[in-house]
N, C-alpha and C. Protein backbone atom coordinates (compact mmCIF):
# COMPACT_ATOMS: atom_id res chain seq x y z
N MET A 1 76.61 -25.70 23.56
CA MET A 1 75.47 -26.59 23.36
C MET A 1 74.22 -25.73 23.39
N GLY A 2 73.37 -25.90 22.42
CA GLY A 2 72.13 -25.13 22.37
C GLY A 2 71.13 -25.62 23.40
N ASN A 3 70.03 -24.88 23.54
CA ASN A 3 69.00 -25.25 24.52
C ASN A 3 68.40 -26.62 24.22
N LEU A 4 68.19 -26.94 22.93
CA LEU A 4 67.64 -28.25 22.57
C LEU A 4 68.58 -29.35 23.03
N GLY A 5 69.89 -29.15 22.83
CA GLY A 5 70.86 -30.15 23.27
C GLY A 5 70.86 -30.31 24.78
N ARG A 6 70.68 -29.21 25.49
CA ARG A 6 70.62 -29.29 26.95
C ARG A 6 69.39 -30.03 27.41
N VAL A 7 68.25 -29.78 26.76
CA VAL A 7 67.02 -30.47 27.13
C VAL A 7 67.16 -31.97 26.88
N ILE A 8 67.78 -32.34 25.77
CA ILE A 8 68.00 -33.76 25.47
C ILE A 8 68.92 -34.37 26.52
N ALA A 9 69.99 -33.65 26.89
CA ALA A 9 70.91 -34.15 27.91
C ALA A 9 70.21 -34.33 29.25
N ILE A 10 69.35 -33.37 29.60
CA ILE A 10 68.59 -33.48 30.85
C ILE A 10 67.68 -34.69 30.80
N GLY A 11 67.01 -34.87 29.67
CA GLY A 11 66.12 -36.04 29.52
C GLY A 11 66.88 -37.33 29.65
N ALA A 12 68.07 -37.38 29.06
CA ALA A 12 68.88 -38.60 29.16
C ALA A 12 69.31 -38.84 30.61
N LEU A 13 69.68 -37.79 31.31
CA LEU A 13 70.07 -37.94 32.71
C LEU A 13 68.89 -38.42 33.55
N LEU A 14 67.75 -37.82 33.35
CA LEU A 14 66.57 -38.22 34.11
C LEU A 14 66.15 -39.64 33.75
N GLY A 15 66.26 -39.98 32.48
CA GLY A 15 65.92 -41.35 32.05
C GLY A 15 66.86 -42.36 32.67
N ALA A 16 68.15 -42.03 32.75
CA ALA A 16 69.11 -42.94 33.35
C ALA A 16 68.82 -43.12 34.83
N CYS A 17 68.36 -42.07 35.46
CA CYS A 17 68.04 -42.17 36.89
C CYS A 17 66.85 -43.10 37.12
N SER A 18 65.88 -43.05 36.25
CA SER A 18 64.69 -43.87 36.47
C SER A 18 64.95 -45.34 36.20
N ARG A 19 66.01 -45.66 35.44
CA ARG A 19 66.33 -47.06 35.16
C ARG A 19 67.21 -47.67 36.25
N ASN A 20 67.69 -46.88 37.16
CA ASN A 20 68.57 -47.36 38.22
C ASN A 20 67.84 -47.23 39.55
N PRO A 21 67.05 -48.19 39.94
CA PRO A 21 66.23 -48.05 41.13
C PRO A 21 67.02 -47.97 42.43
N GLU A 22 68.24 -48.55 42.50
CA GLU A 22 68.97 -48.56 43.77
C GLU A 22 69.46 -47.18 44.18
N GLY A 23 70.00 -46.40 43.24
CA GLY A 23 70.51 -45.07 43.59
C GLY A 23 69.73 -43.98 42.90
N ALA A 24 68.50 -44.25 42.56
CA ALA A 24 67.70 -43.32 41.75
C ALA A 24 67.51 -41.99 42.44
N SER A 25 67.15 -41.98 43.71
CA SER A 25 66.88 -40.71 44.37
C SER A 25 68.16 -39.89 44.50
N GLU A 26 69.30 -40.56 44.77
CA GLU A 26 70.56 -39.85 44.89
C GLU A 26 71.00 -39.28 43.54
N ALA A 27 70.91 -40.10 42.48
CA ALA A 27 71.31 -39.65 41.15
C ALA A 27 70.41 -38.52 40.68
N ARG A 28 69.12 -38.63 40.93
CA ARG A 28 68.18 -37.60 40.50
C ARG A 28 68.44 -36.30 41.25
N SER A 29 68.76 -36.38 42.53
CA SER A 29 68.98 -35.16 43.31
C SER A 29 70.21 -34.39 42.85
N THR A 30 71.23 -35.06 42.32
CA THR A 30 72.42 -34.34 41.85
C THR A 30 72.31 -33.97 40.38
N ALA A 31 71.62 -34.79 39.58
CA ALA A 31 71.53 -34.53 38.14
C ALA A 31 70.62 -33.35 37.84
N VAL A 32 69.51 -33.22 38.53
CA VAL A 32 68.56 -32.15 38.24
C VAL A 32 69.15 -30.77 38.53
N PRO A 33 69.78 -30.54 39.70
CA PRO A 33 70.38 -29.21 39.92
C PRO A 33 71.47 -28.88 38.91
N ARG A 34 72.32 -29.87 38.53
CA ARG A 34 73.36 -29.61 37.54
C ARG A 34 72.75 -29.26 36.19
N ALA A 35 71.70 -29.99 35.80
CA ALA A 35 71.05 -29.72 34.52
C ALA A 35 70.39 -28.35 34.53
N LYS A 36 69.75 -27.98 35.65
CA LYS A 36 69.11 -26.67 35.75
C LYS A 36 70.16 -25.57 35.69
N ALA A 37 71.29 -25.76 36.34
CA ALA A 37 72.37 -24.77 36.30
C ALA A 37 72.88 -24.59 34.88
N ALA A 38 72.96 -25.69 34.12
CA ALA A 38 73.42 -25.61 32.73
C ALA A 38 72.44 -24.80 31.89
N LEU A 39 71.14 -24.92 32.16
CA LEU A 39 70.14 -24.15 31.41
C LEU A 39 70.18 -22.68 31.80
N ASP A 40 70.45 -22.38 33.07
CA ASP A 40 70.47 -21.00 33.53
C ASP A 40 71.71 -20.25 33.07
N LYS A 41 72.79 -20.94 32.81
CA LYS A 41 74.03 -20.29 32.40
C LYS A 41 73.92 -19.88 30.93
N PRO A 42 74.07 -18.58 30.61
CA PRO A 42 73.96 -18.15 29.21
C PRO A 42 75.16 -18.64 28.41
N GLU A 43 74.93 -18.87 27.13
CA GLU A 43 76.02 -19.25 26.26
C GLU A 43 76.94 -18.06 26.07
N HIS A 44 78.20 -18.32 25.77
CA HIS A 44 79.17 -17.25 25.57
C HIS A 44 78.76 -16.40 24.37
N ASP A 45 78.70 -15.10 24.56
CA ASP A 45 78.36 -14.15 23.50
C ASP A 45 79.67 -13.66 22.90
N PRO A 46 79.92 -13.91 21.61
CA PRO A 46 81.20 -13.53 21.01
C PRO A 46 81.43 -12.03 20.94
N ARG A 47 80.40 -11.23 21.21
CA ARG A 47 80.57 -9.77 21.19
C ARG A 47 81.35 -9.28 22.40
N PHE A 48 81.48 -10.13 23.43
CA PHE A 48 82.12 -9.72 24.68
C PHE A 48 83.34 -10.57 24.97
N ASP A 49 84.33 -9.96 25.65
CA ASP A 49 85.49 -10.72 26.09
C ASP A 49 85.17 -11.39 27.43
N ALA A 50 86.14 -12.05 28.01
CA ALA A 50 85.92 -12.79 29.26
C ALA A 50 85.51 -11.88 30.42
N GLU A 51 85.89 -10.60 30.38
CA GLU A 51 85.52 -9.67 31.45
C GLU A 51 84.18 -8.99 31.19
N GLY A 52 83.54 -9.30 30.07
CA GLY A 52 82.24 -8.69 29.77
C GLY A 52 82.33 -7.38 29.02
N ASN A 53 83.51 -7.05 28.51
CA ASN A 53 83.69 -5.83 27.73
C ASN A 53 83.42 -6.09 26.26
N LEU A 54 82.84 -5.10 25.58
CA LEU A 54 82.59 -5.22 24.15
C LEU A 54 83.91 -5.37 23.39
N ARG A 55 83.88 -6.22 22.37
CA ARG A 55 85.05 -6.40 21.52
C ARG A 55 84.99 -5.44 20.34
N THR A 56 86.14 -5.11 19.83
CA THR A 56 86.24 -4.22 18.68
C THR A 56 85.83 -4.95 17.41
N GLY A 57 85.01 -4.30 16.60
CA GLY A 57 84.58 -4.87 15.33
C GLY A 57 85.50 -4.41 14.20
N SER A 58 85.15 -4.79 12.98
CA SER A 58 85.99 -4.46 11.83
C SER A 58 85.57 -3.17 11.14
N LEU A 59 84.38 -2.65 11.43
CA LEU A 59 83.91 -1.42 10.81
C LEU A 59 84.50 -0.21 11.53
N LYS A 60 84.79 0.85 10.76
CA LYS A 60 85.35 2.06 11.35
C LYS A 60 84.72 3.30 10.72
N ILE A 61 84.62 4.34 11.54
CA ILE A 61 84.31 5.69 11.08
C ILE A 61 85.49 6.52 11.54
N GLY A 62 86.27 7.02 10.58
CA GLY A 62 87.54 7.65 10.94
C GLY A 62 88.41 6.61 11.60
N TRP A 63 88.93 6.91 12.76
CA TRP A 63 89.76 5.95 13.50
C TRP A 63 88.94 5.12 14.48
N PHE A 64 87.67 5.50 14.72
CA PHE A 64 86.85 4.87 15.76
C PHE A 64 86.29 3.54 15.25
N ALA A 65 86.65 2.45 15.93
CA ALA A 65 86.17 1.11 15.56
C ALA A 65 84.80 0.86 16.19
N ILE A 66 83.85 0.44 15.37
CA ILE A 66 82.50 0.13 15.84
C ILE A 66 82.56 -1.21 16.58
N PRO A 67 81.94 -1.33 17.75
CA PRO A 67 82.01 -2.60 18.49
C PRO A 67 81.30 -3.73 17.74
N MET A 68 81.72 -4.95 18.03
CA MET A 68 81.10 -6.13 17.42
C MET A 68 79.62 -6.17 17.77
N GLY A 69 78.82 -6.64 16.83
CA GLY A 69 77.40 -6.82 17.07
C GLY A 69 76.55 -5.65 16.64
N PHE A 70 77.15 -4.52 16.32
CA PHE A 70 76.38 -3.37 15.86
C PHE A 70 76.19 -3.47 14.35
N GLU A 71 74.96 -3.23 13.93
CA GLU A 71 74.62 -3.30 12.51
C GLU A 71 74.36 -1.91 11.97
N ARG A 72 74.84 -1.68 10.75
CA ARG A 72 74.68 -0.37 10.10
C ARG A 72 73.21 -0.12 9.79
N VAL A 73 72.76 1.10 10.06
CA VAL A 73 71.38 1.51 9.82
C VAL A 73 71.33 2.29 8.51
N PRO A 74 70.28 2.10 7.71
CA PRO A 74 70.18 2.90 6.48
C PRO A 74 70.28 4.39 6.79
N GLY A 75 70.97 5.11 5.93
CA GLY A 75 71.19 6.53 6.14
C GLY A 75 72.62 6.82 6.59
N SER A 76 73.36 5.76 6.89
CA SER A 76 74.75 5.94 7.30
C SER A 76 75.59 6.33 6.09
N THR A 77 76.63 7.08 6.36
CA THR A 77 77.60 7.44 5.32
C THR A 77 78.98 7.06 5.82
N GLU A 78 79.99 7.28 4.99
CA GLU A 78 81.36 6.97 5.40
C GLU A 78 81.83 7.89 6.51
N ARG A 79 81.28 9.09 6.58
CA ARG A 79 81.70 10.07 7.59
C ARG A 79 80.77 10.15 8.79
N SER A 80 79.56 9.63 8.64
CA SER A 80 78.59 9.66 9.74
C SER A 80 77.88 8.31 9.78
N GLY A 81 78.33 7.45 10.68
CA GLY A 81 77.79 6.09 10.76
C GLY A 81 76.74 5.97 11.85
N ILE A 82 75.66 5.28 11.51
CA ILE A 82 74.59 5.01 12.47
C ILE A 82 74.49 3.50 12.59
N TYR A 83 74.58 3.00 13.82
CA TYR A 83 74.60 1.56 14.08
C TYR A 83 73.66 1.25 15.25
N GLU A 84 73.08 0.05 15.23
CA GLU A 84 72.23 -0.40 16.33
C GLU A 84 72.58 -1.82 16.72
N ALA A 85 72.32 -2.12 18.00
CA ALA A 85 72.54 -3.47 18.53
C ALA A 85 71.58 -3.71 19.68
N SER A 86 71.25 -4.97 19.90
CA SER A 86 70.40 -5.37 21.03
C SER A 86 71.22 -6.21 21.99
N GLY A 87 70.75 -6.29 23.23
CA GLY A 87 71.41 -7.13 24.22
C GLY A 87 72.67 -6.53 24.80
N ILE A 88 72.83 -5.22 24.66
CA ILE A 88 74.00 -4.53 25.19
C ILE A 88 73.51 -3.42 26.11
N SER A 89 74.10 -3.34 27.28
CA SER A 89 73.67 -2.29 28.21
C SER A 89 74.36 -0.97 27.87
N GLN A 90 73.75 0.09 28.32
CA GLN A 90 74.31 1.41 28.12
C GLN A 90 75.67 1.51 28.81
N GLU A 91 75.81 0.89 29.97
CA GLU A 91 77.07 0.91 30.70
C GLU A 91 78.17 0.19 29.93
N GLN A 92 77.85 -0.95 29.30
CA GLN A 92 78.86 -1.67 28.50
C GLN A 92 79.34 -0.81 27.33
N LEU A 93 78.42 -0.13 26.67
CA LEU A 93 78.81 0.73 25.56
C LEU A 93 79.58 1.95 26.06
N ARG A 94 79.21 2.48 27.20
CA ARG A 94 79.93 3.62 27.80
C ARG A 94 81.38 3.23 28.08
N ARG A 95 81.58 2.05 28.66
CA ARG A 95 82.95 1.58 28.93
C ARG A 95 83.75 1.43 27.63
N TYR A 96 83.09 0.94 26.58
CA TYR A 96 83.76 0.77 25.29
C TYR A 96 84.22 2.13 24.74
N VAL A 97 83.32 3.11 24.74
CA VAL A 97 83.65 4.44 24.22
C VAL A 97 84.79 5.04 25.04
N ASP A 98 84.73 4.91 26.36
CA ASP A 98 85.79 5.43 27.22
C ASP A 98 87.14 4.78 26.93
N ALA A 99 87.13 3.51 26.60
CA ALA A 99 88.38 2.80 26.29
C ALA A 99 88.95 3.21 24.93
N GLN A 100 88.09 3.67 24.02
CA GLN A 100 88.55 4.04 22.68
C GLN A 100 89.29 5.38 22.66
N GLY A 101 88.85 6.33 23.47
CA GLY A 101 89.49 7.64 23.41
C GLY A 101 89.02 8.55 24.51
N GLN A 102 89.51 9.78 24.45
CA GLN A 102 89.23 10.78 25.48
C GLN A 102 88.39 11.92 24.89
N PRO A 103 87.14 12.07 25.36
CA PRO A 103 86.31 13.18 24.85
C PRO A 103 86.67 14.50 25.53
N LYS A 104 86.49 15.60 24.79
CA LYS A 104 86.68 16.92 25.39
C LYS A 104 85.51 17.27 26.29
N GLN A 105 84.33 16.74 25.93
CA GLN A 105 83.12 17.06 26.69
C GLN A 105 82.13 15.91 26.56
N VAL A 106 81.39 15.62 27.63
CA VAL A 106 80.33 14.61 27.60
C VAL A 106 79.04 15.28 28.07
N ASP A 107 78.03 15.24 27.23
CA ASP A 107 76.71 15.78 27.58
C ASP A 107 75.76 14.62 27.82
N SER A 108 75.14 14.59 28.98
CA SER A 108 74.18 13.54 29.30
C SER A 108 72.79 14.01 28.93
N MET A 109 71.99 13.08 28.40
CA MET A 109 70.60 13.35 28.04
C MET A 109 69.75 12.33 28.78
N ALA A 110 68.44 12.46 28.64
CA ALA A 110 67.53 11.52 29.30
C ALA A 110 67.75 10.09 28.80
N HIS A 111 68.06 9.93 27.52
CA HIS A 111 68.19 8.60 26.93
C HIS A 111 69.54 8.38 26.27
N GLY A 112 70.61 8.91 26.87
CA GLY A 112 71.92 8.66 26.30
C GLY A 112 72.94 9.72 26.64
N GLU A 113 74.04 9.69 25.89
CA GLU A 113 75.14 10.64 26.07
C GLU A 113 75.68 11.05 24.71
N ILE A 114 76.28 12.24 24.70
CA ILE A 114 76.99 12.72 23.52
C ILE A 114 78.43 12.98 23.95
N TYR A 115 79.37 12.29 23.29
CA TYR A 115 80.78 12.45 23.55
C TYR A 115 81.32 13.35 22.44
N LYS A 116 81.72 14.56 22.79
CA LYS A 116 82.16 15.54 21.78
C LYS A 116 83.67 15.55 21.65
N GLN A 117 84.12 15.59 20.40
CA GLN A 117 85.53 15.67 20.05
C GLN A 117 86.37 14.62 20.78
N VAL A 118 86.04 13.36 20.53
CA VAL A 118 86.77 12.25 21.15
C VAL A 118 88.10 12.08 20.42
N ALA A 119 89.19 12.22 21.15
CA ALA A 119 90.52 12.03 20.60
C ALA A 119 90.92 10.57 20.77
N ALA A 120 91.60 10.03 19.76
CA ALA A 120 92.04 8.64 19.80
C ALA A 120 92.96 8.42 20.98
N GLY A 121 92.64 7.44 21.81
CA GLY A 121 93.46 7.16 22.98
C GLY A 121 94.53 6.12 22.72
N HIS A 122 94.50 5.46 21.58
CA HIS A 122 95.41 4.35 21.30
C HIS A 122 96.46 4.69 20.25
N SER A 123 96.60 5.96 19.91
CA SER A 123 97.54 6.34 18.86
C SER A 123 98.33 7.57 19.27
N LYS A 124 99.57 7.58 18.86
CA LYS A 124 100.40 8.76 19.11
C LYS A 124 100.29 9.75 17.95
N LEU A 125 99.65 9.31 16.86
CA LEU A 125 99.45 10.19 15.71
C LEU A 125 98.34 11.19 16.02
N PRO A 126 98.43 12.39 15.45
CA PRO A 126 97.38 13.38 15.68
C PRO A 126 96.15 13.10 14.79
N LEU A 127 95.33 12.15 15.21
CA LEU A 127 94.15 11.79 14.43
C LEU A 127 93.01 12.77 14.71
N PRO A 128 92.23 13.11 13.69
CA PRO A 128 91.10 14.03 13.91
C PRO A 128 90.08 13.41 14.86
N PRO A 129 89.46 14.23 15.68
CA PRO A 129 88.48 13.70 16.63
C PRO A 129 87.20 13.24 15.95
N VAL A 130 86.42 12.46 16.69
CA VAL A 130 85.09 12.05 16.25
C VAL A 130 84.10 12.45 17.34
N ASP A 131 82.85 12.60 16.95
CA ASP A 131 81.77 12.80 17.92
C ASP A 131 81.02 11.49 18.00
N VAL A 132 80.71 11.05 19.21
CA VAL A 132 80.03 9.77 19.42
C VAL A 132 78.76 10.04 20.24
N THR A 133 77.64 9.54 19.71
CA THR A 133 76.37 9.66 20.43
C THR A 133 75.86 8.27 20.74
N VAL A 134 75.47 8.06 21.99
CA VAL A 134 74.89 6.79 22.44
C VAL A 134 73.44 7.07 22.82
N LEU A 135 72.52 6.39 22.17
CA LEU A 135 71.09 6.58 22.45
C LEU A 135 70.45 5.26 22.83
N VAL A 136 69.58 5.29 23.84
CA VAL A 136 68.81 4.11 24.22
C VAL A 136 67.55 4.12 23.35
N VAL A 137 67.43 3.12 22.47
CA VAL A 137 66.27 3.03 21.58
C VAL A 137 65.13 2.31 22.30
N ASP A 138 65.45 1.21 22.99
CA ASP A 138 64.46 0.43 23.73
C ASP A 138 65.14 -0.13 24.97
N ALA A 139 64.82 0.43 26.13
CA ALA A 139 65.50 0.04 27.38
C ALA A 139 65.21 -1.41 27.75
N ARG A 140 63.97 -1.87 27.55
CA ARG A 140 63.64 -3.26 27.93
C ARG A 140 64.39 -4.27 27.07
N ALA A 141 64.52 -4.00 25.79
CA ALA A 141 65.22 -4.91 24.88
C ALA A 141 66.72 -4.63 24.87
N ARG A 142 67.16 -3.66 25.68
CA ARG A 142 68.56 -3.25 25.70
C ARG A 142 69.04 -2.98 24.28
N ARG A 143 68.24 -2.22 23.53
CA ARG A 143 68.58 -1.84 22.16
C ARG A 143 69.18 -0.44 22.17
N LEU A 144 70.39 -0.33 21.64
CA LEU A 144 71.12 0.94 21.63
C LEU A 144 71.44 1.37 20.20
N ARG A 145 71.54 2.68 20.03
CA ARG A 145 71.97 3.25 18.75
C ARG A 145 73.28 3.98 19.02
N LEU A 146 74.23 3.78 18.12
CA LEU A 146 75.54 4.41 18.20
C LEU A 146 75.71 5.25 16.94
N VAL A 147 75.95 6.54 17.11
CA VAL A 147 76.16 7.45 15.98
C VAL A 147 77.57 8.00 16.11
N VAL A 148 78.38 7.81 15.06
CA VAL A 148 79.76 8.28 15.07
C VAL A 148 79.95 9.23 13.90
N ASP A 149 80.37 10.45 14.20
CA ASP A 149 80.61 11.47 13.18
C ASP A 149 82.10 11.77 13.09
N ASP A 150 82.66 11.55 11.91
CA ASP A 150 84.07 11.84 11.65
C ASP A 150 84.21 13.36 11.49
N ARG A 151 85.07 13.96 12.28
CA ARG A 151 85.24 15.42 12.25
C ARG A 151 86.45 15.84 11.43
N THR A 152 86.95 14.96 10.57
CA THR A 152 88.07 15.30 9.71
C THR A 152 87.67 16.45 8.80
N PRO A 153 88.46 17.51 8.77
CA PRO A 153 88.11 18.63 7.90
C PRO A 153 88.09 18.19 6.43
N THR A 154 87.12 18.69 5.71
CA THR A 154 87.01 18.39 4.28
C THR A 154 87.45 19.62 3.49
N GLU A 155 87.76 19.40 2.22
CA GLU A 155 88.09 20.53 1.37
C GLU A 155 86.85 21.38 1.17
N PRO A 156 87.00 22.68 1.20
CA PRO A 156 85.83 23.52 0.96
C PRO A 156 85.36 23.37 -0.48
N ASP A 157 84.09 23.61 -0.71
CA ASP A 157 83.55 23.55 -2.06
C ASP A 157 84.23 24.63 -2.91
N LEU A 158 84.60 24.25 -4.12
CA LEU A 158 85.26 25.18 -5.03
C LEU A 158 84.21 25.92 -5.86
N THR A 159 84.54 27.17 -6.13
CA THR A 159 83.69 27.92 -7.06
C THR A 159 83.98 27.37 -8.45
N PRO A 160 83.13 27.62 -9.43
CA PRO A 160 83.41 27.13 -10.80
C PRO A 160 84.77 27.63 -11.31
N GLN A 161 85.12 28.87 -11.00
CA GLN A 161 86.41 29.42 -11.45
C GLN A 161 87.57 28.65 -10.81
N GLN A 162 87.48 28.39 -9.49
CA GLN A 162 88.53 27.64 -8.80
C GLN A 162 88.64 26.22 -9.33
N ALA A 163 87.53 25.60 -9.63
CA ALA A 163 87.54 24.24 -10.18
C ALA A 163 88.23 24.20 -11.54
N MET A 164 87.96 25.22 -12.38
CA MET A 164 88.61 25.26 -13.71
C MET A 164 90.12 25.45 -13.56
N GLU A 165 90.54 26.30 -12.63
CA GLU A 165 91.97 26.54 -12.40
C GLU A 165 92.66 25.28 -11.88
N LYS A 166 92.00 24.58 -10.97
CA LYS A 166 92.56 23.34 -10.42
C LYS A 166 92.70 22.28 -11.52
N LEU A 167 91.70 22.18 -12.36
CA LEU A 167 91.73 21.22 -13.47
C LEU A 167 92.84 21.57 -14.45
N ALA A 168 93.03 22.87 -14.73
CA ALA A 168 94.08 23.30 -15.66
C ALA A 168 95.46 22.97 -15.09
N LYS A 169 95.65 23.19 -13.78
CA LYS A 169 96.94 22.88 -13.16
C LYS A 169 97.22 21.37 -13.21
N ALA A 170 96.20 20.59 -12.97
CA ALA A 170 96.36 19.13 -13.02
C ALA A 170 96.70 18.68 -14.44
N ARG A 171 96.07 19.29 -15.43
CA ARG A 171 96.33 18.95 -16.83
C ARG A 171 97.75 19.32 -17.21
N ASP A 172 98.23 20.47 -16.72
CA ASP A 172 99.61 20.92 -17.02
C ASP A 172 100.64 19.97 -16.43
N ARG A 173 100.34 19.42 -15.25
CA ARG A 173 101.29 18.48 -14.61
C ARG A 173 101.39 17.18 -15.36
N THR A 174 100.32 16.75 -16.03
CA THR A 174 100.35 15.47 -16.74
C THR A 174 100.99 15.59 -18.11
N GLU A 175 101.10 16.80 -18.65
CA GLU A 175 101.68 16.97 -19.99
C GLU A 175 103.15 17.13 -19.96
């Protein structure tokens, strides 16, 4: 129920109390604290599970799944993703990264951490590591930036001669 719905419900409860003069003070004394408690209780955030841990999202860089609620920032690539989210604490994101895999090294900075060569913790396959950087963009707004770099080795750039030879071999295989 949204805040507007709660306010309407509180108004209805208070209105019902004022129309019942015999038990009005008793009804008002129990209805107001319950209504206030309903307003103070935050609505369930789908980014978190029942224990308050971040849920896995559908976006991935390499094998590393980006948590729900993080939005891609311009400048991201398939191998180096930059994401931001608000309303998430640094500790919640730290727990998420720790649950995803095992880093070889963690460097702490004034406004975040760098997890170097994080190996997948949920797979028996030898997946290439990723580097994960957590940065606090705005501490008051609990705005965080997550940078994930896929460390999968790429093919080295070919010289023009090597490219022509590779193309010739591919052409020979198709004929």
